[in-house]
C-alpha atoms as a PDB file:
ATOM      1  CA  MET A   1    -126.760 201.371  50.677  1.00  0.00           C
ATOM      2  CA  VAL A   2    -129.555 199.635  52.596  1.00  0.00           C
ATOM      3  CA  PRO A   3    -129.697 195.874  52.073  1.00  0.00           C
ATOM      4  CA  GLU A   4    -132.950 194.576  50.670  1.00  0.00           C
ATOM      5  CA  ARG A   5    -135.253 192.468  52.754  1.00  0.00           C
ATOM      6  CA  ASP A   6    -134.785 188.753  52.175  1.00  0.00           C
ATOM      7  CA  PRO A   7    -138.040 187.519  50.622  1.00  0.00           C
ATOM      8  CA  GLY A   8    -137.083 183.906  51.223  1.00  0.00           C
ATOM      9  CA  ALA A   9    -137.681 181.560  54.106  1.00  0.00           C
ATOM     10  CA  SER A  10    -134.883 182.838  56.325  1.00  0.00           C
ATOM     11  CA  PRO A  11    -136.974 185.441  58.207  1.00  0.00           C
ATOM     12  CA  GLU A  12    -139.749 182.903  58.694  1.00  0.00           C
ATOM     13  CA  ARG A  13    -137.340 180.301  60.078  1.00  0.00           C
ATOM     14  CA  THR A  14    -135.895 182.888  62.439  1.00  0.00           C
ATOM     15  CA  ARG A  15    -139.361 183.895  63.682  1.00  0.00           C
ATOM     16  CA  LEU A  16    -140.204 180.245  64.258  1.00  0.00           C
ATOM     17  CA  ALA A  17    -136.940 179.758  66.162  1.00  0.00           C
ATOM     18  CA  TRP A  18    -137.803 182.707  68.438  1.00  0.00           C
ATOM     19  CA  ARG A  19    -141.259 181.183  68.987  1.00  0.00           C
ATOM     20  CA  ARG A  20    -139.799 177.766  69.884  1.00  0.00           C
ATOM     21  CA  THR A  21    -137.362 179.381  72.288  1.00  0.00           C
ATOM     22  CA  GLY A  22    -140.180 181.271  73.981  1.00  0.00           C
ATOM     23  CA  LEU A  23    -142.292 178.142  74.303  1.00  0.00           C
ATOM     24  CA  SER A  24    -139.443 176.112  75.784  1.00  0.00           C
ATOM     25  CA  ALA A  25    -138.700 178.952  78.234  1.00  0.00           C
ATOM     26  CA  ALA A  26    -142.375 178.922  79.238  1.00  0.00           C
ATOM     27  CA  VAL A  27    -142.206 175.196  80.002  1.00  0.00           C
ATOM     28  CA  VAL A  28    -139.055 175.626  82.092  1.00  0.00           C
ATOM     29  CA  ALA A  29    -140.568 178.589  83.954  1.00  0.00           C
ATOM     30  CA  LEU A  30    -143.772 176.703  84.701  1.00  0.00           C
ATOM     31  CA  LEU A  31    -141.813 173.723  86.005  1.00  0.00           C
ATOM     32  CA  ALA A  32    -139.775 176.074  88.195  1.00  0.00           C
ATOM     33  CA  VAL A  33    -142.980 177.617  89.572  1.00  0.00           C
ATOM     34  CA  ARG A  34    -144.573 174.303  90.483  1.00  0.00           C
ATOM     35  CA  PRO A  35    -142.864 173.880  93.912  1.00  0.00           C
ATOM     36  CA  ALA A  36    -144.240 177.268  95.020  1.00  0.00           C
ATOM     37  CA  PHE A  37    -147.730 175.767  95.069  1.00  0.00           C
ATOM     38  CA  ALA A  38    -146.841 172.946  97.438  1.00  0.00           C
ATOM     39  CA  PRO A  39    -148.555 173.128 100.846  1.00  0.00           C
ATOM     40  CA  VAL A  40    -145.187 173.488 102.587  1.00  0.00           C
ATOM     41  CA  ALA A  41    -143.776 176.114 100.194  1.00  0.00           C
ATOM     42  CA  GLY A  42    -141.664 178.769 101.834  1.00  0.00           C
ATOM     43  CA  PRO A  43    -140.096 182.060 100.778  1.00  0.00           C
ATOM     44  CA  ASP A  44    -137.347 180.312  98.802  1.00  0.00           C
ATOM     45  CA  GLU A  45    -139.842 178.610  96.535  1.00  0.00           C
ATOM     46  CA  TRP A  46    -141.770 181.850  96.034  1.00  0.00           C
ATOM     47  CA  LEU A  47    -138.573 183.729  95.156  1.00  0.00           C
ATOM     48  CA  VAL A  48    -137.636 181.085  92.602  1.00  0.00           C
ATOM     49  CA  ALA A  49    -141.158 181.228  91.159  1.00  0.00           C
ATOM     50  CA  ALA A  50    -141.032 185.014  90.892  1.00  0.00           C
ATOM     51  CA  GLY A  51    -137.561 184.944  89.350  1.00  0.00           C
ATOM     52  CA  SER A  52    -138.541 182.354  86.789  1.00  0.00           C
ATOM     53  CA  MET A  53    -141.683 184.244  85.768  1.00  0.00           C
ATOM     54  CA  ILE A  54    -139.757 187.525  85.468  1.00  0.00           C
ATOM     55  CA  SER A  55    -137.105 185.763  83.376  1.00  0.00           C
ATOM     56  CA  TRP A  56    -139.747 184.215  81.143  1.00  0.00           C
ATOM     57  CA  ALA A  57    -141.471 187.576  80.673  1.00  0.00           C
ATOM     58  CA  ALA A  58    -138.176 189.225  79.720  1.00  0.00           C
ATOM     59  CA  LEU A  59    -137.318 186.447  77.250  1.00  0.00           C
ATOM     60  CA  THR A  60    -140.761 186.656  75.702  1.00  0.00           C
ATOM     61  CA  GLY A  61    -140.524 190.434  75.397  1.00  0.00           C
ATOM     62  CA  ILE A  62    -137.165 190.236  73.648  1.00  0.00           C
ATOM     63  CA  ALA A  63    -138.393 187.471  71.337  1.00  0.00           C
ATOM     64  CA  LEU A  64    -141.522 189.431  70.387  1.00  0.00           C
ATOM     65  CA  HIS A  65    -139.455 192.528  69.714  1.00  0.00           C
ATOM     66  CA  ARG A  66    -137.051 190.623  67.467  1.00  0.00           C
ATOM     67  CA  ALA A  67    -139.893 188.849  65.628  1.00  0.00           C
ATOM     68  CA  GLN A  68    -141.603 192.178  64.906  1.00  0.00           C
ATOM     69  CA  ASP A  69    -138.320 193.573  63.614  1.00  0.00           C
ATOM     70  CA  LEU A  70    -138.102 190.650  61.206  1.00  0.00           C
ATOM     71  CA  ARG A  71    -141.522 191.458  59.778  1.00  0.00           C
ATOM     72  CA  ALA A  72    -140.716 195.134  59.246  1.00  0.00           C
ATOM     73  CA  ARG A  73    -137.126 195.160  58.011  1.00  0.00           C
ATOM     74  CA  ILE A  74    -133.764 193.488  58.245  1.00  0.00           C
ATOM     75  CA  PRO A  75    -132.992 193.760  61.963  1.00  0.00           C
ATOM     76  CA  ALA A  76    -129.613 195.016  62.979  1.00  0.00           C
ATOM     77  CA  SER A  77    -127.632 192.809  65.286  1.00  0.00           C
ATOM     78  CA  VAL A  78    -127.795 194.288  68.776  1.00  0.00           C
ATOM     79  CA  PRO A  79    -125.016 192.730  70.870  1.00  0.00           C
ATOM     80  CA  ARG A  80    -126.446 194.136  74.102  1.00  0.00           C
ATOM     81  CA  LEU A  81    -129.802 192.497  73.420  1.00  0.00           C
ATOM     82  CA  ILE A  82    -128.183 189.188  72.522  1.00  0.00           C
ATOM     83  CA  ARG A  83    -126.076 189.240  75.701  1.00  0.00           C
ATOM     84  CA  ALA A  84    -129.169 190.032  77.789  1.00  0.00           C
ATOM     85  CA  TYR A  85    -131.048 187.133  76.199  1.00  0.00           C
ATOM     86  CA  ALA A  86    -128.146 184.775  76.904  1.00  0.00           C
ATOM     87  CA  LEU A  87    -127.816 185.915  80.530  1.00  0.00           C
ATOM     88  CA  ILE A  88    -131.546 185.586  81.159  1.00  0.00           C
ATOM     89  CA  THR A  89    -131.501 182.102  79.635  1.00  0.00           C
ATOM     90  CA  VAL A  90    -128.625 181.073  81.914  1.00  0.00           C
ATOM     91  CA  ALA A  91    -130.431 182.530  84.951  1.00  0.00           C
ATOM     92  CA  LEU A  92    -133.598 180.645  84.070  1.00  0.00           C
ATOM     93  CA  ALA A  93    -131.603 177.432  83.633  1.00  0.00           C
ATOM     94  CA  ALA A  94    -129.937 177.979  87.017  1.00  0.00           C
ATOM     95  CA  LEU A  95    -133.304 178.528  88.695  1.00  0.00           C
ATOM     96  CA  ALA A  96    -134.689 175.403  87.069  1.00  0.00           C
ATOM     97  CA  GLY A  97    -131.595 173.458  88.136  1.00  0.00           C
ATOM     98  CA  TRP A  98    -132.082 174.642  91.699  1.00  0.00           C
ATOM     99  CA  VAL A  99    -135.691 173.434  91.602  1.00  0.00           C
ATOM    100  CA  VAL A 100    -134.566 170.019  90.355  1.00  0.00           C
ATOM    101  CA  MET A 101    -132.157 169.751  93.291  1.00  0.00           C
ATOM    102  CA  LEU A 102    -134.944 170.359  95.836  1.00  0.00           C
END
């Protein structure tokens, strides 16, 4: 038996939560990129900038995929996808923390 799609506000709240997460990740990634544009920026700053942009792109891709699933049907929980999202979030936080320590 296939569960029916929830017509209530739950899918909308979940989509909005994914959107907020993506926006906050974008802010963190942009702050992590900022030191790469300093006149004395070296390879370390460029690597952090590249890592933060790759992390942000991956987070955004996962969030878009999950939001589209919510529009179409009841999405199945994918533990691998959730673990990847958590690991990317931790990596982005570590990169941002490293930038703060500069």
